Amino acid sequence: MADVLYVLGSGSQYDNLELRLSLRSLEQNCKDLGRVFIVGYKPKWIQNVVYLDEQDNLEREKNVFKKVLRACESGISENFLFMNDDFYMMKPFNIESYPYFVNGFVRYVANPSRWQEIFNKTIVYLQEKTKKDDILDFCVHCPILYSTEKFLSLKSLYEKTIKDKCGYSPRLLYGNLFVKDTIKSVDCKLWDSNLIQDNLQGCISTKDDCEEVLKQLEMIYNTSSKYERKGEEKCTQE
């Protein structure tokens, strides 16, 4: 059995319906599901999870890094699956054997947005550390399997960036430093579509404006999970 980690902020425009459906998909499809850890915000309907309170007082990427480290220091399983609340598992899988997916290489951007600036910083560090020019892109909007021991070894890097303008991408760091075997895939995010389709990852990820997809997911995952307190149901069709 292996644990699953969600790190949450409080910004869901659908009252955390994404998390409800993600948990339902996880409960239905994960064959070796241990405990569910939630670090950060706690929706009022959540139950049967290991909850760790952690405030968002830094930039987004640093908050995520900090919350994963908190879980690693709080008894999560040695190997655990990192999930976003807008990831939905669409077919059966095992955490311990979930592959590492990449979408080619990530490139340095000359005039970066803030998010690209984080990537640029991570790329430069990884190129110096690994002596490789090509940095694999692990940011394909699907779960990633982390080792507690290996992730904790990145703590000093996080701490060095606390006062910096931006931090590092945890996924890019972990994948390029520790992962050897990868599978080439497309991004799971439904950027320009409301059509749920099969893919190698067995996962889809929703964009911010995703009401139509959530309605489809509600029809697929129409039974509350053990993580939802009864009497606190919420759906998009009220």
Protein backbone atom coordinates (compact mmCIF):
# COMPACT_ATOMS: atom_id res chain seq x y z
CA MET A 1 0.00 0.00 0.00
CA ALA A 2 1.21 3.52 -0.80
CA ASP A 3 -0.05 6.93 0.25
CA VAL A 4 -1.31 9.81 -1.88
CA LEU A 5 -0.59 13.49 -1.31
CA TYR A 6 -2.69 16.51 -2.27
CA VAL A 7 -1.40 20.01 -1.55
CA LEU A 8 -4.24 22.53 -1.52
CA GLY A 9 -4.73 26.25 -1.71
CA SER A 10 -8.15 27.86 -1.29
CA GLY A 11 -8.77 29.00 -4.86
CA SER A 12 -11.34 26.59 -6.29
CA GLN A 13 -14.13 28.42 -8.12
CA TYR A 14 -16.25 25.25 -7.96
CA ASP A 15 -16.18 24.91 -4.16
CA ASN A 16 -13.59 22.11 -4.34
CA LEU A 17 -15.74 19.90 -6.54
CA GLU A 18 -12.53 19.09 -8.43
CA LEU A 19 -11.10 17.50 -5.29
CA ARG A 20 -14.29 15.52 -4.64
CA LEU A 21 -14.19 14.02 -8.11
CA SER A 22 -10.44 13.44 -7.99
CA LEU A 23 -10.83 11.50 -4.73
CA ARG A 24 -13.72 9.47 -6.17
CA SER A 25 -11.65 8.57 -9.21
CA LEU A 26 -8.74 7.64 -6.97
CA GLU A 27 -10.83 5.44 -4.69
CA GLN A 28 -12.39 3.64 -7.66
CA ASN A 29 -9.23 3.09 -9.71
CA CYS A 30 -6.25 2.84 -7.37
CA LYS A 31 -5.48 -0.79 -6.48
CA ASP A 32 -2.89 -0.16 -3.75
CA LEU A 33 -4.23 2.98 -2.11
CA GLY A 34 -3.03 3.61 1.41
CA ARG A 35 -3.74 6.86 3.22
CA VAL A 36 -4.62 10.20 1.68
CA PHE A 37 -2.64 13.17 2.97
CA ILE A 38 -3.91 16.72 2.48
CA VAL A 39 -1.57 19.60 3.26
CA GLY A 40 -2.76 23.20 3.24
CA TYR A 41 -6.43 24.13 2.98
CA LYS A 42 -9.04 21.71 4.37
CA PRO A 43 -12.54 21.74 2.83
CA LYS A 44 -15.26 21.40 5.46
CA TRP A 45 -16.57 18.13 3.97
CA ILE A 46 -13.26 16.26 4.08
CA GLN A 47 -12.95 13.22 6.35
CA ASN A 48 -10.80 10.07 6.68
CA VAL A 49 -7.59 11.79 5.58
CA VAL A 50 -4.35 12.73 7.28
CA TYR A 51 -4.56 16.52 7.38
CA LEU A 52 -1.58 18.82 7.91
CA ASP A 53 -2.15 22.55 8.29
CA GLU A 54 0.37 24.61 6.30
CA GLN A 55 -0.14 28.25 5.38
CA ASP A 56 0.43 29.79 1.95
CA ASN A 57 2.83 32.60 2.84
CA LEU A 58 5.25 32.33 -0.09
CA GLU A 59 5.05 32.25 -3.89
CA ARG A 60 3.08 29.36 -5.38
CA GLU A 61 5.98 27.07 -6.32
CA LYS A 62 7.59 27.58 -2.91
CA ASN A 63 4.30 26.83 -1.15
CA VAL A 64 4.01 23.55 -3.07
CA PHE A 65 7.63 22.64 -2.30
CA LYS A 66 7.11 23.44 1.40
CA LYS A 67 3.92 21.35 1.63
CA VAL A 68 5.49 18.29 0.01
CA LEU A 69 8.41 18.56 2.41
CA ARG A 70 5.95 18.80 5.33
CA ALA A 71 4.31 15.54 4.25
CA CYS A 72 7.71 13.87 3.88
CA GLU A 73 8.56 14.88 7.44
CA SER A 74 5.16 13.76 8.81
CA GLY A 75 5.08 10.02 8.20
CA ILE A 76 3.86 9.66 4.63
CA SER A 77 4.86 6.35 2.99
CA GLU A 78 8.38 6.06 1.55
CA ASN A 79 6.95 6.00 -1.96
CA PHE A 80 3.89 8.20 -2.45
CA LEU A 81 1.86 9.61 -5.32
CA PHE A 82 1.72 13.38 -5.68
CA MET A 83 -1.70 14.44 -7.00
CA ASN A 84 -3.25 17.77 -7.92
CA ASP A 85 -6.89 18.36 -7.01
CA ASP A 86 -7.68 18.68 -10.73
CA PHE A 87 -6.22 15.27 -11.69
CA TYR A 88 -8.77 12.52 -12.35
CA MET A 89 -7.74 8.89 -12.74
CA MET A 90 -9.71 7.28 -15.55
CA LYS A 91 -8.60 3.63 -15.40
CA PRO A 92 -7.20 1.16 -12.83
CA PHE A 93 -3.57 1.58 -11.77
CA ASN A 94 -1.05 0.82 -9.04
CA ILE A 95 0.80 3.63 -7.30
CA GLU A 96 4.04 1.70 -6.86
CA SER A 97 4.28 0.94 -10.58
CA TYR A 98 2.92 4.23 -11.95
CA PRO A 99 5.35 5.31 -14.71
CA TYR A 100 7.13 8.62 -15.10
CA PHE A 101 5.81 10.56 -18.08
CA VAL A 102 7.60 13.33 -19.97
CA ASN A 103 6.71 15.63 -22.83
CA GLY A 104 10.06 16.03 -24.55
CA PHE A 105 12.46 18.68 -23.23
CA VAL A 106 11.88 21.97 -21.47
CA ARG A 107 13.66 24.96 -23.01
CA TYR A 108 15.10 28.18 -21.63
CA VAL A 109 12.92 31.18 -22.57
CA ALA A 110 14.58 34.52 -23.31
CA ASN A 111 11.66 36.75 -22.25
CA PRO A 112 9.94 34.61 -19.65
CA SER A 113 6.61 34.90 -17.89
CA ARG A 114 6.85 34.38 -14.15
CA TRP A 115 6.14 30.64 -14.52
CA GLN A 116 8.73 30.35 -17.29
CA GLU A 117 11.18 32.19 -15.04
CA ILE A 118 10.84 29.35 -12.51
CA PHE A 119 11.56 26.87 -15.28
CA ASN A 120 14.56 28.91 -16.45
CA LYS A 121 16.02 28.92 -12.96
CA THR A 122 15.48 25.17 -12.62
CA ILE A 123 16.95 24.46 -16.06
CA VAL A 124 20.13 26.40 -15.27
CA TYR A 125 20.56 24.56 -11.96
CA LEU A 126 19.98 21.14 -13.54
CA GLN A 127 22.32 21.80 -16.44
CA GLU A 128 25.08 22.72 -13.99
CA LYS A 129 24.30 19.81 -11.68
CA THR A 130 23.87 17.05 -14.27
CA LYS A 131 26.24 18.41 -16.95
CA LYS A 132 23.45 17.81 -19.48
CA ASP A 133 22.02 20.36 -21.91
CA ASP A 134 18.68 18.61 -22.39
CA ILE A 135 16.33 18.81 -19.41
CA LEU A 136 13.30 16.52 -19.51
CA ASP A 137 9.84 18.07 -19.08
CA PHE A 138 8.02 16.19 -16.31
CA CYS A 139 5.28 18.83 -16.07
CA VAL A 140 2.64 16.93 -18.04
CA HIS A 141 -0.30 17.39 -15.62
CA CYS A 142 -0.50 13.87 -14.25
CA PRO A 143 0.55 12.30 -10.93
CA ILE A 144 4.20 11.71 -10.13
CA LEU A 145 5.67 9.11 -7.79
CA TYR A 146 8.00 10.56 -5.17
CA SER A 147 10.38 8.91 -2.72
CA THR A 148 10.33 10.55 0.71
CA GLU A 149 14.07 10.13 1.17
CA LYS A 150 14.93 11.56 -2.24
CA PHE A 151 12.52 14.47 -1.97
CA LEU A 152 13.87 15.40 1.46
CA SER A 153 17.34 15.62 -0.09
CA LEU A 154 16.03 18.67 -2.01
CA LYS A 155 15.17 20.58 1.17
CA SER A 156 18.33 22.65 1.16
CA LEU A 157 17.55 23.89 -2.37
CA TYR A 158 14.09 25.00 -1.25
CA GLU A 159 15.52 26.79 1.77
CA LYS A 160 18.01 28.72 -0.37
CA THR A 161 15.16 30.22 -2.45
CA ILE A 162 12.82 31.36 0.33
CA LYS A 163 13.90 35.01 -0.05
CA ASP A 164 14.49 34.84 -3.81
CA LYS A 165 12.16 36.26 -6.44
CA CYS A 166 11.23 32.75 -7.53
CA GLY A 167 11.94 29.18 -6.55
CA TYR A 168 12.54 25.92 -8.37
CA SER A 169 10.07 23.53 -10.00
CA PRO A 170 9.92 20.47 -7.71
CA ARG A 171 8.81 18.16 -10.52
CA LEU A 172 11.62 19.19 -12.86
CA LEU A 173 14.18 18.88 -10.09
CA TYR A 174 13.02 15.48 -8.90
CA GLY A 175 12.49 13.97 -12.33
CA ASN A 176 15.82 15.03 -13.80
CA LEU A 177 17.86 14.21 -10.70
CA PHE A 178 16.34 10.90 -9.69
CA VAL A 179 14.28 9.31 -12.49
CA LYS A 180 15.94 7.01 -15.02
CA ASP A 181 13.08 5.39 -16.96
CA THR A 182 10.47 7.60 -18.61
CA ILE A 183 7.65 7.31 -21.12
CA LYS A 184 7.05 9.97 -23.79
CA SER A 185 3.49 11.26 -23.64
CA VAL A 186 1.28 14.26 -24.34
CA ASP A 187 0.14 16.74 -21.73
CA CYS A 188 -2.99 15.54 -19.86
CA LYS A 189 -4.43 19.05 -19.47
CA LEU A 190 -7.60 19.67 -21.47
CA TRP A 191 -6.42 23.10 -22.55
CA ASP A 192 -8.64 23.48 -25.62
CA SER A 193 -11.19 20.71 -25.25
CA ASN A 194 -14.15 19.57 -23.16
CA LEU A 195 -13.84 16.04 -24.54
CA ILE A 196 -12.58 13.35 -22.15
CA GLN A 197 -10.22 11.06 -24.03
CA ASP A 198 -8.06 8.04 -23.18
CA ASN A 199 -4.30 8.49 -22.88
CA LEU A 200 -1.17 6.68 -21.70
CA GLN A 201 -1.31 8.24 -18.25
CA GLY A 202 -4.87 7.09 -17.56
CA CYS A 203 -5.46 10.59 -16.24
CA ILE A 204 -6.99 13.89 -17.32
CA SER A 205 -6.50 17.34 -15.84
CA THR A 206 -9.02 20.16 -16.07
CA LYS A 207 -8.40 23.79 -16.91
CA ASP A 208 -9.76 26.68 -14.81
CA ASP A 209 -12.97 27.09 -16.83
CA CYS A 210 -14.03 23.45 -16.81
CA GLU A 211 -17.71 23.20 -15.84
CA GLU A 212 -18.64 21.03 -18.83
CA VAL A 213 -15.92 18.49 -18.06
CA LEU A 214 -16.87 18.42 -14.39
CA LYS A 215 -20.45 17.60 -15.36
CA GLN A 216 -19.19 14.66 -17.40
CA LEU A 217 -17.02 13.51 -14.52
CA GLU A 218 -19.96 13.73 -12.11
CA MET A 219 -21.86 11.28 -14.30
CA ILE A 220 -18.88 8.89 -14.31
CA TYR A 221 -18.07 9.26 -10.61
CA ASN A 222 -21.56 9.72 -9.17
CA THR A 223 -21.03 8.01 -5.81
CA SER A 224 -19.50 9.77 -2.83
CA SER A 225 -16.13 8.47 -1.65
CA LYS A 226 -15.25 7.64 1.94
CA TYR A 227 -13.44 10.98 2.06
CA GLU A 228 -16.70 12.97 1.86
CA ARG A 229 -18.72 13.70 4.98
CA LYS A 230 -22.39 12.84 4.43
CA GLY A 231 -24.70 15.81 4.18
CA GLU A 232 -22.01 17.93 2.54
CA GLU A 233 -22.71 16.94 -1.07
CA LYS A 234 -22.07 19.48 -3.78
CA CYS A 235 -22.44 19.30 -7.55
CA THR A 236 -22.38 21.57 -10.59
CA GLN A 237 -26.02 20.87 -11.44
CA GLU A 238 -27.69 22.34 -8.33
